[in-house]
Amino acid sequence: MGVSNKNAQDNFQTKGNKKDFKKPLQVLHISKKDNQKKFQEIQNEQPNSQQEIKKENIAIEPRVTKDESVKEIEVNNKNTKTFDISQEDLNRPLNFSAQNTDFQLERTVDEFDFDESAFLEALNANEPIGATGEIISGKVIAIESDGLYVDIGGKAPGYMPKKECGLGVITNFKEKFSIGLEMEVLVIKEQNADGMVTVSARALILRQSWERVSSFAKNGELIDVLINGFNRGGLTCDVDGLRGFIPRSQLEDGQDYQSFVGKTIKVAFLEVNPESRKLVLSEKKASLVSKLTSLELGQLIEGEVLAVKPYGFFIDLGGASGLLHQSSLTNGSIRSLREVFREGEIIKALISEIDLEKGRIGLNTALLENSAGELIIDKQKVMQEAKERSLKTKALFDKKDKLNEH
């Protein structure tokens, strides 16, 4: 059902009634000729090449608000060369061998190159100071009731517990150690999470003591020790801060060994082992070494055959024994050692070796022979002329002695 609008005709009044006339909306009218004319003007103004159009389009850029990081990148890009790459160049695959040598980006040492000296210097700067067993010189910078702190040149000081500050019990702790005191310490524990190492003066003293004692033993030196205790096996003593032990069997008189406590005796070294902290001494060996020091290479000695072994003879030299090895017996060939000497026989021989560390004397009778096997053929003649024959070998031993000294 339609709805009529009775007032519709009222909207279209005659021109004479201007009061009630409503103007229609204005519409922009462009004729076909005007449209073609405008298009022709645009075509005339159009650039002749596609490349100019690209440049015109590139020149028109929207305004963009840039933050500081973008500005910094653009400033850095001003230092690099720009390249005009066409669409054709983009579509063509790259050929690096045909590229111009000018196509290179500037690079710096910090970004690409490996500077070995700088790298090693950085490693050394960050290298931890204080490996276990290392000896370091330091200076006391702080003292606490339970220990002290030593500046060892690392990123953190070294800590020394009170019990590691020296041998024995330290009663005057703060008086013995003062701020600024320079000392050498031994690292006994490597760095913890804070970069601090544990150091010890006591461990360093003991290490140096073992080194000295080992040198004494090697050179066959004798030392005087004060007996400070005893047990079922023997006596105890102090040797340069180390605990030494003297077995009863190594005493000249081991019956009443307890009476040695508080006395000083001369001893030699039987065993020196820093690994197991074993230090064994001997009074008997000290007596032997004392006799050995009075002997010299090439000296003619006289002694009794104590025992015959498969490898040679043991000869009693009056408190000491020497070994006459089968290789030093004769220059001739023998079937049995007993066809040359027997137990209890008195013989003469030359001293060919003196080992103070082991307390051993090496003997030789082959050098007394004028011809190979003479000792087997005419032993009596060799023994009778031994003194005269020994003089001929003196120059040989003097030369050997000089070589040993060097």
Protein backbone atom coordinates (compact mmCIF):
# COMPACT_ATOMS: atom_id res chain seq x y z
CA MET A 1 0.00 0.00 0.00
CA GLY A 2 1.54 3.27 -1.06
CA VAL A 3 1.78 6.31 1.01
CA SER A 4 1.06 9.56 -0.71
CA ASN A 5 2.87 12.69 0.02
CA LYS A 6 0.48 15.50 -0.32
CA ASN A 7 3.13 18.05 0.22
CA ALA A 8 5.33 16.73 -2.55
CA GLN A 9 4.07 19.23 -4.99
CA ASP A 10 4.77 22.01 -2.57
CA ASN A 11 8.47 21.33 -2.99
CA PHE A 12 8.32 22.41 -6.62
CA GLN A 13 6.98 25.92 -6.73
CA THR A 14 7.22 28.36 -9.52
CA LYS A 15 10.13 30.72 -9.93
CA GLY A 16 8.07 33.59 -8.79
CA ASN A 17 7.70 32.17 -5.34
CA LYS A 18 11.33 32.56 -4.15
CA LYS A 19 10.52 32.17 -0.48
CA ASP A 20 9.52 28.52 -0.76
CA PHE A 21 12.17 27.49 -3.46
CA LYS A 22 14.99 25.14 -2.37
CA LYS A 23 18.23 25.17 -4.39
CA PRO A 24 19.49 21.79 -5.61
CA LEU A 25 22.99 20.49 -4.78
CA GLN A 26 25.68 21.83 -7.10
CA VAL A 27 27.45 19.19 -9.20
CA LEU A 28 30.89 19.78 -10.80
CA HIS A 29 30.33 19.20 -14.47
CA ILE A 30 33.36 18.38 -16.65
CA SER A 31 32.75 17.92 -20.26
CA LYS A 32 34.43 15.25 -22.37
CA LYS A 33 36.52 17.84 -24.21
CA ASP A 34 37.75 19.37 -20.99
CA ASN A 35 38.67 15.92 -19.68
CA GLN A 36 40.72 15.08 -22.78
CA LYS A 37 42.46 18.44 -22.64
CA LYS A 38 43.55 17.89 -19.05
CA PHE A 39 44.80 14.39 -19.85
CA GLN A 40 46.82 15.72 -22.79
CA GLU A 41 48.53 18.26 -20.51
CA ILE A 42 49.49 15.54 -18.06
CA GLN A 43 50.93 13.42 -20.88
CA ASN A 44 53.05 16.36 -22.07
CA GLU A 45 54.41 16.89 -18.61
CA GLN A 46 55.25 13.19 -18.11
CA PRO A 47 59.07 12.38 -17.93
CA ASN A 48 60.62 10.82 -20.96
CA SER A 49 62.31 7.89 -19.22
CA GLN A 50 61.39 5.35 -16.59
CA GLN A 51 64.59 6.12 -14.74
CA GLU A 52 63.52 9.76 -14.22
CA ILE A 53 60.19 8.57 -12.89
CA LYS A 54 62.06 6.41 -10.38
CA LYS A 55 64.18 9.32 -9.29
CA GLU A 56 61.10 11.52 -8.96
CA ASN A 57 59.37 8.88 -6.89
CA ILE A 58 62.45 8.41 -4.69
CA ALA A 59 62.72 12.13 -4.14
CA ILE A 60 59.22 12.25 -2.70
CA GLU A 61 59.47 10.61 0.67
CA PRO A 62 57.02 10.78 3.51
CA ARG A 63 58.13 12.50 6.64
CA VAL A 64 59.05 9.93 9.29
CA THR A 65 59.82 10.56 12.91
CA LYS A 66 63.13 8.83 13.72
CA ASP A 67 64.47 7.82 17.09
CA GLU A 68 68.08 8.30 18.22
CA SER A 69 69.30 4.81 17.16
CA VAL A 70 68.06 5.32 13.59
CA LYS A 71 69.74 8.72 13.44
CA GLU A 72 73.02 7.20 14.60
CA ILE A 73 72.85 4.50 11.92
CA GLU A 74 72.22 7.11 9.23
CA VAL A 75 75.15 9.21 10.39
CA ASN A 76 77.42 6.16 10.16
CA ASN A 77 76.06 5.34 6.70
CA LYS A 78 77.21 8.73 5.42
CA ASN A 79 80.77 7.36 5.56
CA THR A 80 79.98 4.55 3.12
CA LYS A 81 79.57 4.79 -0.63
CA THR A 82 76.10 4.69 -2.23
CA PHE A 83 75.40 2.58 -5.26
CA ASP A 84 72.86 3.17 -8.04
CA ILE A 85 71.47 -0.28 -8.73
CA SER A 86 68.78 -0.55 -11.40
CA GLN A 87 66.03 -3.13 -11.58
CA GLU A 88 68.02 -4.93 -14.25
CA ASP A 89 71.03 -5.21 -11.95
CA LEU A 90 68.86 -6.66 -9.20
CA ASN A 91 67.51 -9.34 -11.47
CA ARG A 92 70.97 -10.31 -12.75
CA PRO A 93 72.98 -12.82 -10.54
CA LEU A 94 76.05 -11.43 -8.81
CA ASN A 95 79.48 -12.11 -10.26
CA PHE A 96 82.07 -11.24 -7.66
CA SER A 97 85.00 -11.82 -9.96
CA ALA A 98 83.68 -9.20 -12.38
CA GLN A 99 82.92 -6.62 -9.75
CA ASN A 100 84.89 -3.45 -9.52
CA THR A 101 87.55 -3.39 -6.82
CA ASP A 102 85.97 -0.19 -5.51
CA PHE A 103 83.06 -2.25 -4.25
CA GLN A 104 84.52 -2.74 -0.76
CA LEU A 105 83.26 -1.88 2.66
CA GLU A 106 85.62 -0.23 5.06
CA ARG A 107 86.44 -2.43 8.07
CA THR A 108 88.23 -1.84 11.31
CA VAL A 109 90.60 -3.98 13.43
CA ASP A 110 88.20 -4.07 16.35
CA GLU A 111 85.41 -5.56 14.23
CA PHE A 112 87.19 -8.17 12.13
CA ASP A 113 90.92 -8.68 12.63
CA PHE A 114 92.50 -10.91 15.31
CA ASP A 115 95.10 -9.03 17.34
CA GLU A 116 97.13 -11.80 19.01
CA SER A 117 99.14 -9.52 21.29
CA ALA A 118 95.99 -7.82 22.56
CA PHE A 119 94.34 -11.21 23.05
CA LEU A 120 97.27 -12.59 25.08
CA GLU A 121 97.43 -9.42 27.11
CA ALA A 122 93.75 -9.78 27.96
CA LEU A 123 94.30 -13.41 28.97
CA ASN A 124 97.21 -12.49 31.23
CA ALA A 125 95.19 -9.73 32.84
CA ASN A 126 92.43 -12.21 33.72
CA GLU A 127 94.70 -15.13 34.57
CA PRO A 128 94.11 -16.29 38.13
CA ILE A 129 97.05 -15.77 40.46
CA GLY A 130 97.89 -18.60 42.80
CA ALA A 131 97.95 -22.19 41.52
CA THR A 132 98.32 -24.92 44.13
CA GLY A 133 102.01 -25.45 44.95
CA GLU A 134 103.05 -22.01 43.68
CA ILE A 135 105.37 -19.82 45.79
CA ILE A 136 104.28 -16.16 45.89
CA SER A 137 105.72 -13.08 47.56
CA GLY A 138 103.16 -10.98 49.39
CA LYS A 139 102.54 -8.37 52.05
CA VAL A 140 100.37 -8.62 55.17
CA ILE A 141 97.42 -6.23 54.83
CA ALA A 142 95.07 -7.36 57.63
CA ILE A 143 95.28 -9.43 60.82
CA GLU A 144 92.35 -11.29 62.37
CA SER A 145 92.11 -13.49 65.43
CA ASP A 146 91.96 -16.67 63.34
CA GLY A 147 94.44 -15.73 60.62
CA LEU A 148 95.70 -12.98 58.38
CA TYR A 149 95.31 -11.65 54.83
CA VAL A 150 98.22 -11.32 52.42
CA ASP A 151 98.23 -9.17 49.29
CA ILE A 152 99.59 -11.45 46.54
CA GLY A 153 98.80 -9.21 43.59
CA GLY A 154 95.54 -10.90 42.61
CA LYS A 155 92.01 -9.58 42.44
CA ALA A 156 91.56 -10.78 46.01
CA PRO A 157 94.07 -11.22 48.88
CA GLY A 158 95.28 -14.61 50.04
CA TYR A 159 94.04 -15.93 53.37
CA MET A 160 96.43 -17.64 55.81
CA PRO A 161 94.84 -19.55 58.72
CA LYS A 162 96.60 -19.14 62.04
CA LYS A 163 97.80 -22.77 62.09
CA GLU A 164 99.54 -22.20 58.73
CA CYS A 165 101.52 -19.17 59.88
CA GLY A 166 104.51 -21.18 61.11
CA LEU A 167 105.81 -24.34 62.74
CA GLY A 168 104.54 -25.29 66.17
CA VAL A 169 102.24 -23.17 68.34
CA ILE A 170 102.49 -19.41 67.82
CA THR A 171 101.76 -17.60 71.07
CA ASN A 172 102.62 -14.00 70.12
CA PHE A 173 100.64 -14.04 66.88
CA LYS A 174 99.96 -10.30 66.44
CA GLU A 175 103.48 -9.41 67.56
CA LYS A 176 105.16 -11.73 65.09
CA PHE A 177 103.05 -10.56 62.14
CA SER A 178 102.51 -6.86 61.52
CA ILE A 179 100.79 -4.86 58.78
CA GLY A 180 103.14 -4.39 55.82
CA LEU A 181 105.31 -7.41 56.65
CA GLU A 182 106.68 -8.93 53.43
CA MET A 183 106.84 -12.70 53.26
CA GLU A 184 106.87 -15.67 50.92
CA VAL A 185 103.96 -18.09 51.08
CA LEU A 186 102.92 -21.33 49.42
CA VAL A 187 99.47 -21.68 47.82
CA ILE A 188 97.78 -24.72 49.36
CA LYS A 189 94.24 -24.17 48.01
CA GLU A 190 93.19 -22.54 44.76
CA GLN A 191 90.69 -19.73 44.30
CA ASN A 192 87.20 -19.94 45.70
CA ALA A 193 84.13 -18.22 44.22
CA ASP A 194 85.39 -14.85 45.47
CA GLY A 195 88.81 -15.31 43.84
CA MET A 196 90.59 -15.82 47.18
CA VAL A 197 93.30 -18.46 47.62
CA THR A 198 94.52 -20.11 50.82
CA VAL A 199 98.23 -19.68 51.50
CA SER A 200 100.64 -21.10 54.07
CA ALA A 201 104.02 -20.11 55.48
CA ARG A 202 104.25 -23.41 57.36
CA ALA A 203 103.91 -25.53 54.20
CA LEU A 204 106.62 -23.47 52.50
CA ILE A 205 109.01 -23.97 55.44
CA LEU A 206 108.43 -27.74 55.36
CA ARG A 207 108.94 -27.91 51.61
CA GLN A 208 112.23 -26.06 51.89
CA SER A 209 113.26 -28.37 54.77
CA TRP A 210 112.63 -31.47 52.64
CA GLU A 211 114.69 -29.95 49.83
CA ARG A 212 117.63 -29.29 52.18
CA VAL A 213 117.43 -32.73 53.76
CA SER A 214 117.33 -34.41 50.34
CA SER A 215 120.45 -32.48 49.38
CA PHE A 216 122.20 -33.55 52.59
CA ALA A 217 121.36 -37.21 51.94
CA LYS A 218 122.54 -37.04 48.33
CA ASN A 219 125.89 -35.62 49.36
CA GLY A 220 126.28 -38.14 52.20
CA GLU A 221 126.43 -35.42 54.84
CA LEU A 222 126.19 -36.20 58.55
CA ILE A 223 124.10 -34.15 60.98
CA ASP A 224 123.78 -33.86 64.75
CA VAL A 225 120.24 -34.34 66.11
CA LEU A 226 118.69 -33.95 69.55
CA ILE A 227 116.69 -37.00 70.63
CA ASN A 228 113.29 -35.81 71.89
CA GLY A 229 111.35 -39.05 72.28
CA PHE A 230 111.19 -42.81 71.86
CA ASN A 231 108.78 -45.64 71.09
CA ARG A 232 108.99 -49.41 70.78
CA GLY A 233 110.77 -49.20 67.42
CA GLY A 234 113.40 -46.60 68.24
CA LEU A 235 114.04 -42.89 68.81
CA THR A 236 112.49 -39.70 67.45
CA CYS A 237 114.15 -36.37 66.74
CA ASP A 238 113.61 -33.06 65.00
CA VAL A 239 115.46 -32.33 61.73
CA ASP A 240 114.93 -28.79 60.46
CA GLY A 241 111.28 -28.87 61.46
CA LEU A 242 110.76 -32.45 60.21
CA ARG A 243 110.14 -35.49 62.38
CA GLY A 244 112.98 -38.00 62.04
CA PHE A 245 113.05 -41.61 63.20
CA ILE A 246 116.09 -43.73 64.23
CA PRO A 247 115.36 -47.50 64.39
CA ARG A 248 116.90 -49.41 67.30
CA SER A 249 118.81 -51.57 64.80
CA GLN A 250 120.57 -48.45 63.50
CA LEU A 251 122.00 -47.49 66.90
CA GLU A 252 125.53 -48.40 67.94
CA ASP A 253 124.07 -49.59 71.25
CA GLY A 254 120.38 -50.33 71.00
CA GLN A 255 119.96 -52.08 74.33
CA ASP A 256 119.32 -49.08 76.58
CA TYR A 257 118.05 -46.82 73.82
CA GLN A 258 115.66 -44.88 76.09
CA SER A 259 118.65 -43.27 77.77
CA PHE A 260 119.38 -41.38 74.52
CA VAL A 261 116.47 -38.97 75.13
CA GLY A 262 117.84 -35.47 75.64
CA LYS A 263 121.20 -36.34 74.10
CA THR A 264 122.71 -35.31 70.78
CA ILE A 265 124.07 -37.97 68.41
CA LYS A 266 125.54 -37.92 64.90
CA VAL A 267 123.45 -39.65 62.26
CA ALA A 268 123.35 -40.21 58.50
CA PHE A 269 120.31 -40.44 56.23
CA LEU A 270 118.90 -43.87 55.42
CA GLU A 271 115.65 -42.84 53.68
CA VAL A 272 114.29 -39.45 52.64
CA ASN A 273 110.81 -39.52 51.09
CA PRO A 274 108.89 -36.21 50.95
CA GLU A 275 105.89 -37.93 49.33
CA SER A 276 105.25 -40.22 52.30
CA ARG A 277 106.93 -37.80 54.76
CA LYS A 278 109.30 -40.57 55.78
CA LEU A 279 112.67 -39.60 57.24
CA VAL A 280 114.79 -42.47 58.56
CA LEU A 281 118.23 -41.89 60.12
CA SER A 282 121.09 -44.14 61.22
CA GLU A 283 123.89 -43.83 63.75
CA LYS A 284 125.66 -46.87 62.33
CA LYS A 285 125.71 -45.46 58.83
CA ALA A 286 127.14 -42.22 60.23
CA SER A 287 130.10 -44.23 61.55
CA LEU A 288 130.50 -45.89 58.16
CA VAL A 289 130.34 -42.60 56.27
CA SER A 290 132.91 -41.13 58.63
CA LYS A 291 135.27 -43.90 57.58
CA LEU A 292 134.37 -43.47 53.92
CA THR A 293 135.32 -39.83 54.00
CA SER A 294 138.84 -40.87 55.00
CA LEU A 295 139.09 -43.04 51.88
CA GLU A 296 139.86 -41.94 48.35
CA LEU A 297 139.62 -43.36 44.84
CA GLY A 298 142.59 -45.52 43.80
CA GLN A 299 143.58 -46.23 47.38
CA LEU A 300 144.90 -49.74 48.05
CA ILE A 301 143.13 -51.44 50.96
CA GLU A 302 143.47 -54.78 52.70
CA GLY A 303 140.53 -56.72 54.09
CA GLU A 304 138.95 -60.05 54.85
CA VAL A 305 136.48 -61.78 52.56
CA LEU A 306 133.23 -61.81 54.54
CA ALA A 307 130.93 -63.52 52.07
CA VAL A 308 130.87 -64.94 48.55
CA LYS A 309 127.78 -64.07 46.53
CA PRO A 310 126.84 -65.04 42.98
CA TYR A 311 127.70 -61.50 41.86
CA GLY A 312 130.91 -60.96 43.84
CA PHE A 313 132.64 -60.72 47.25
CA PHE A 314 131.96 -58.61 50.34
CA ILE A 315 135.20 -57.45 51.96
CA ASP A 316 135.50 -56.22 55.56
CA LEU A 317 137.40 -52.95 55.69
CA GLY A 318 137.37 -52.54 59.47
CA GLY A 319 133.86 -51.30 60.33
CA ALA A 320 132.83 -50.89 56.72
CA SER A 321 132.33 -53.37 53.92
CA GLY A 322 133.25 -53.09 50.28
CA LEU A 323 131.90 -54.98 47.26
CA LEU A 324 134.30 -56.64 44.83
CA HIS A 325 131.97 -57.27 41.89
CA GLN A 326 132.71 -60.15 39.51
CA SER A 327 133.07 -57.68 36.62
CA SER A 328 135.95 -56.01 38.49
CA LEU A 329 137.60 -59.22 39.65
CA THR A 330 139.80 -60.15 36.66
CA ASN A 331 140.19 -59.47 32.96
CA GLY A 332 140.31 -63.22 32.32
CA SER A 333 137.42 -65.66 32.17
CA ILE A 334 136.48 -67.71 35.23
CA ARG A 335 134.15 -70.61 35.85
CA SER A 336 133.53 -69.99 39.57
CA LEU A 337 134.23 -67.09 41.94
CA ARG A 338 135.52 -69.53 44.56
CA GLU A 339 138.45 -70.53 42.38
CA VAL A 340 139.80 -67.00 42.95
CA PHE A 341 138.99 -66.12 46.61
CA ARG A 342 137.36 -67.89 49.53
CA GLU A 343 135.65 -66.72 52.72
CA GLY A 344 138.08 -65.65 55.47
CA GLU A 345 140.91 -64.98 53.00
CA ILE A 346 142.88 -61.71 53.36
CA ILE A 347 143.17 -59.87 50.06
CA LYS A 348 144.28 -56.54 48.65
CA ALA A 349 142.17 -54.40 46.29
CA LEU A 350 141.83 -50.89 44.89
CA ILE A 351 138.94 -48.58 45.84
CA SER A 352 137.15 -47.84 42.54
CA GLU A 353 133.93 -46.24 43.83
CA ILE A 354 132.79 -44.31 46.91
CA ASP A 355 129.02 -43.65 47.25
CA LEU A 356 128.45 -41.59 50.40
CA GLU A 357 124.66 -41.46 49.90
CA LYS A 358 124.31 -45.25 49.84
CA GLY A 359 127.31 -45.87 52.08
CA ARG A 360 128.82 -48.17 49.50
CA ILE A 361 132.44 -48.87 48.53
CA GLY A 362 133.35 -50.47 45.20
CA LEU A 363 136.57 -52.51 44.91
CA ASN A 364 138.70 -53.68 41.96
CA THR A 365 141.48 -56.29 41.56
CA ALA A 366 141.51 -56.51 37.75
CA LEU A 367 143.51 -53.25 37.57
CA LEU A 368 146.32 -54.94 39.52
CA GLU A 369 146.90 -57.49 36.73
CA ASN A 370 149.69 -57.04 34.22
CA SER A 371 148.00 -59.43 31.83
CA ALA A 372 144.47 -60.77 31.43
CA GLY A 373 143.74 -63.61 33.85
CA GLU A 374 146.99 -63.19 35.80
CA LEU A 375 145.06 -63.20 39.09
CA ILE A 376 143.81 -66.71 38.29
CA ILE A 377 147.21 -68.03 37.15
CA ASP A 378 149.45 -66.44 39.82
CA LYS A 379 147.29 -64.84 42.53
CA GLN A 380 150.13 -64.78 45.09
CA LYS A 381 152.41 -62.71 42.85
CA VAL A 382 149.64 -60.15 42.15
CA MET A 383 148.95 -59.73 45.88
CA GLN A 384 152.66 -59.36 46.75
CA GLU A 385 153.27 -56.71 44.10
CA ALA A 386 149.89 -54.96 44.71
CA LYS A 387 151.44 -51.84 46.28
CA GLU A 388 153.83 -51.19 43.39
CA ARG A 389 151.19 -51.98 40.80
CA SER A 390 148.69 -49.60 42.46
CA LEU A 391 150.99 -46.65 41.77
CA LYS A 392 150.58 -47.20 38.04
CA THR A 393 146.80 -46.79 38.31
CA LYS A 394 146.93 -43.60 40.39
CA ALA A 395 146.85 -41.31 37.34
CA LEU A 396 143.76 -43.16 36.08
CA PHE A 397 141.81 -42.56 39.30
CA ASP A 398 142.98 -38.97 39.59
CA LYS A 399 141.46 -38.31 36.17
CA LYS A 400 138.22 -40.07 37.19
CA ASP A 401 138.05 -38.07 40.39
CA LYS A 402 138.34 -34.78 38.47
CA LEU A 403 135.53 -35.84 36.11
CA ASN A 404 133.27 -36.56 39.09
CA GLU A 405 133.94 -33.13 40.52
CA HIS A 406 132.78 -31.48 37.28
